[in-house]
C-alpha atoms as a PDB file:
ATOM      1  CA  MET A   1      62.074  31.731  12.654  1.00  0.00           C
ATOM      2  CA  PHE A   2      60.585  35.329  11.938  1.00  0.00           C
ATOM      3  CA  LYS A   3      62.747  35.838   9.107  1.00  0.00           C
ATOM      4  CA  HIS A   4      59.910  36.252   6.675  1.00  0.00           C
ATOM      5  CA  PHE A   5      58.234  38.618   9.137  1.00  0.00           C
ATOM      6  CA  ARG A   6      61.468  40.995   8.545  1.00  0.00           C
ATOM      7  CA  ARG A   7      60.109  42.947   5.175  1.00  0.00           C
ATOM      8  CA  SER A   8      57.115  44.775   7.075  1.00  0.00           C
ATOM      9  CA  SER A   9      58.059  45.080  11.083  1.00  0.00           C
ATOM     10  CA  VAL A  10      55.242  47.400  11.476  1.00  0.00           C
ATOM     11  CA  THR A  11      52.960  44.133  10.237  1.00  0.00           C
ATOM     12  CA  LEU A  12      55.059  42.139  13.071  1.00  0.00           C
ATOM     13  CA  LYS A  13      54.496  45.218  15.637  1.00  0.00           C
ATOM     14  CA  MET A  14      50.850  45.073  15.318  1.00  0.00           C
ATOM     15  CA  TRP A  15      49.821  41.745  14.812  1.00  0.00           C
ATOM     16  CA  PRO A  16      49.429  41.022  18.716  1.00  0.00           C
ATOM     17  CA  LEU A  17      47.492  44.106  18.795  1.00  0.00           C
ATOM     18  CA  LYS A  18      45.125  42.362  16.260  1.00  0.00           C
ATOM     19  CA  LEU A  19      44.702  38.965  18.749  1.00  0.00           C
ATOM     20  CA  THR A  20      44.467  41.303  21.514  1.00  0.00           C
ATOM     21  CA  TYR A  21      42.142  44.075  20.865  1.00  0.00           C
ATOM     22  CA  PRO A  22      39.252  43.163  18.755  1.00  0.00           C
ATOM     23  CA  SER A  23      36.516  45.804  17.544  1.00  0.00           C
ATOM     24  CA  HIS A  24      34.182  47.130  19.321  1.00  0.00           C
ATOM     25  CA  LEU A  25      31.447  45.182  17.945  1.00  0.00           C
ATOM     26  CA  ASP A  26      33.627  42.003  18.069  1.00  0.00           C
ATOM     27  CA  PHE A  27      33.762  43.197  22.076  1.00  0.00           C
ATOM     28  CA  GLU A  28      30.365  43.507  22.704  1.00  0.00           C
ATOM     29  CA  GLN A  29      28.724  40.530  20.819  1.00  0.00           C
ATOM     30  CA  LEU A  30      31.506  38.182  22.811  1.00  0.00           C
ATOM     31  CA  ALA A  31      30.141  40.364  26.322  1.00  0.00           C
ATOM     32  CA  GLN A  32      27.089  40.056  25.505  1.00  0.00           C
ATOM     33  CA  ALA A  33      27.200  36.246  24.887  1.00  0.00           C
ATOM     34  CA  MET A  34      28.776  35.847  28.390  1.00  0.00           C
ATOM     35  CA  PRO A  35      26.839  34.329  30.885  1.00  0.00           C
ATOM     36  CA  HIS A  36      28.718  36.764  33.292  1.00  0.00           C
ATOM     37  CA  ILE A  37      28.405  40.789  34.007  1.00  0.00           C
ATOM     38  CA  VAL A  38      31.054  42.484  32.034  1.00  0.00           C
ATOM     39  CA  TYR A  39      31.350  46.222  32.358  1.00  0.00           C
ATOM     40  CA  VAL A  40      33.911  48.639  30.935  1.00  0.00           C
ATOM     41  CA  ALA A  41      34.859  52.064  33.106  1.00  0.00           C
ATOM     42  CA  ASN A  42      37.063  55.129  31.978  1.00  0.00           C
ATOM     43  CA  ALA A  43      39.654  56.171  34.328  1.00  0.00           C
ATOM     44  CA  ASN A  44      37.231  57.963  36.275  1.00  0.00           C
ATOM     45  CA  GLY A  45      35.248  55.063  37.220  1.00  0.00           C
ATOM     46  CA  SER A  46      32.795  55.996  34.787  1.00  0.00           C
ATOM     47  CA  ILE A  47      30.806  53.142  33.333  1.00  0.00           C
ATOM     48  CA  ASN A  48      30.812  53.154  29.438  1.00  0.00           C
ATOM     49  CA  PHE A  49      29.613  49.831  29.280  1.00  0.00           C
ATOM     50  CA  ILE A  50      27.558  46.887  30.748  1.00  0.00           C
ATOM     51  CA  ASN A  51      26.327  43.742  29.162  1.00  0.00           C
ATOM     52  CA  GLU A  52      22.739  42.143  29.132  1.00  0.00           C
ATOM     53  CA  GLN A  53      23.379  40.123  32.188  1.00  0.00           C
ATOM     54  CA  TRP A  54      23.714  42.820  34.623  1.00  0.00           C
ATOM     55  CA  THR A  55      19.509  43.356  34.103  1.00  0.00           C
ATOM     56  CA  ASN A  56      19.162  39.507  34.393  1.00  0.00           C
ATOM     57  CA  ILE A  57      21.228  39.250  37.334  1.00  0.00           C
ATOM     58  CA  THR A  58      20.283  42.649  39.379  1.00  0.00           C
ATOM     59  CA  GLY A  59      16.843  43.482  37.935  1.00  0.00           C
ATOM     60  CA  GLN A  60      17.819  46.966  36.985  1.00  0.00           C
ATOM     61  CA  PRO A  61      18.121  48.798  33.991  1.00  0.00           C
ATOM     62  CA  VAL A  62      21.682  49.138  32.097  1.00  0.00           C
ATOM     63  CA  VAL A  63      20.774  52.493  31.470  1.00  0.00           C
ATOM     64  CA  LEU A  64      20.292  53.828  35.259  1.00  0.00           C
ATOM     65  CA  ALA A  65      23.813  51.933  35.526  1.00  0.00           C
ATOM     66  CA  LEU A  66      25.601  53.765  32.602  1.00  0.00           C
ATOM     67  CA  LYS A  67      23.955  57.364  34.086  1.00  0.00           C
ATOM     68  CA  HIS A  68      24.777  56.988  37.820  1.00  0.00           C
ATOM     69  CA  GLY A  69      26.935  54.428  38.469  1.00  0.00           C
ATOM     70  CA  LEU A  70      27.057  51.512  40.784  1.00  0.00           C
ATOM     71  CA  ALA A  71      27.068  53.959  44.162  1.00  0.00           C
ATOM     72  CA  ASP A  72      23.224  54.270  44.095  1.00  0.00           C
ATOM     73  CA  LEU A  73      22.695  50.145  44.465  1.00  0.00           C
ATOM     74  CA  VAL A  74      25.203  50.073  47.464  1.00  0.00           C
ATOM     75  CA  HIS A  75      23.445  49.980  50.632  1.00  0.00           C
ATOM     76  CA  PRO A  76      23.277  53.260  52.471  1.00  0.00           C
ATOM     77  CA  ASP A  77      25.399  51.673  55.821  1.00  0.00           C
ATOM     78  CA  ASP A  78      28.080  50.618  53.073  1.00  0.00           C
ATOM     79  CA  ARG A  79      27.660  53.274  50.533  1.00  0.00           C
ATOM     80  CA  GLN A  80      30.575  55.617  52.029  1.00  0.00           C
ATOM     81  CA  LYS A  81      33.305  52.925  52.871  1.00  0.00           C
ATOM     82  CA  TYR A  82      32.474  52.093  48.251  1.00  0.00           C
ATOM     83  CA  LEU A  83      32.802  55.307  47.660  1.00  0.00           C
ATOM     84  CA  LEU A  84      36.334  56.084  49.449  1.00  0.00           C
ATOM     85  CA  PHE A  85      37.416  52.154  48.239  1.00  0.00           C
ATOM     86  CA  LYS A  86      36.437  53.485  44.587  1.00  0.00           C
ATOM     87  CA  VAL A  87      38.403  57.020  44.632  1.00  0.00           C
ATOM     88  CA  LYS A  88      41.209  54.601  46.168  1.00  0.00           C
ATOM     89  CA  ASP A  89      41.214  52.334  43.010  1.00  0.00           C
ATOM     90  CA  ILE A  90      41.240  55.279  40.793  1.00  0.00           C
END
């Protein structure tokens, strides 16, 4: 079935990656076009990217979430619980 790919096993291995991992620009364009909030966080839970729907839905500027995270937006009565879940998930 895949005999014509045997000449380049590297190409065969990389082919699914090209479909799965679009370039950063492609991802950002896709995320900005979606009607939902899309965000990317690193292993520490710090937010690296949020699309503009964040501002449209929450009224909060994207830059605040990127600098301070989401904990400031959680109600003070629920903030400790949120932080415990966040640490547990990381």
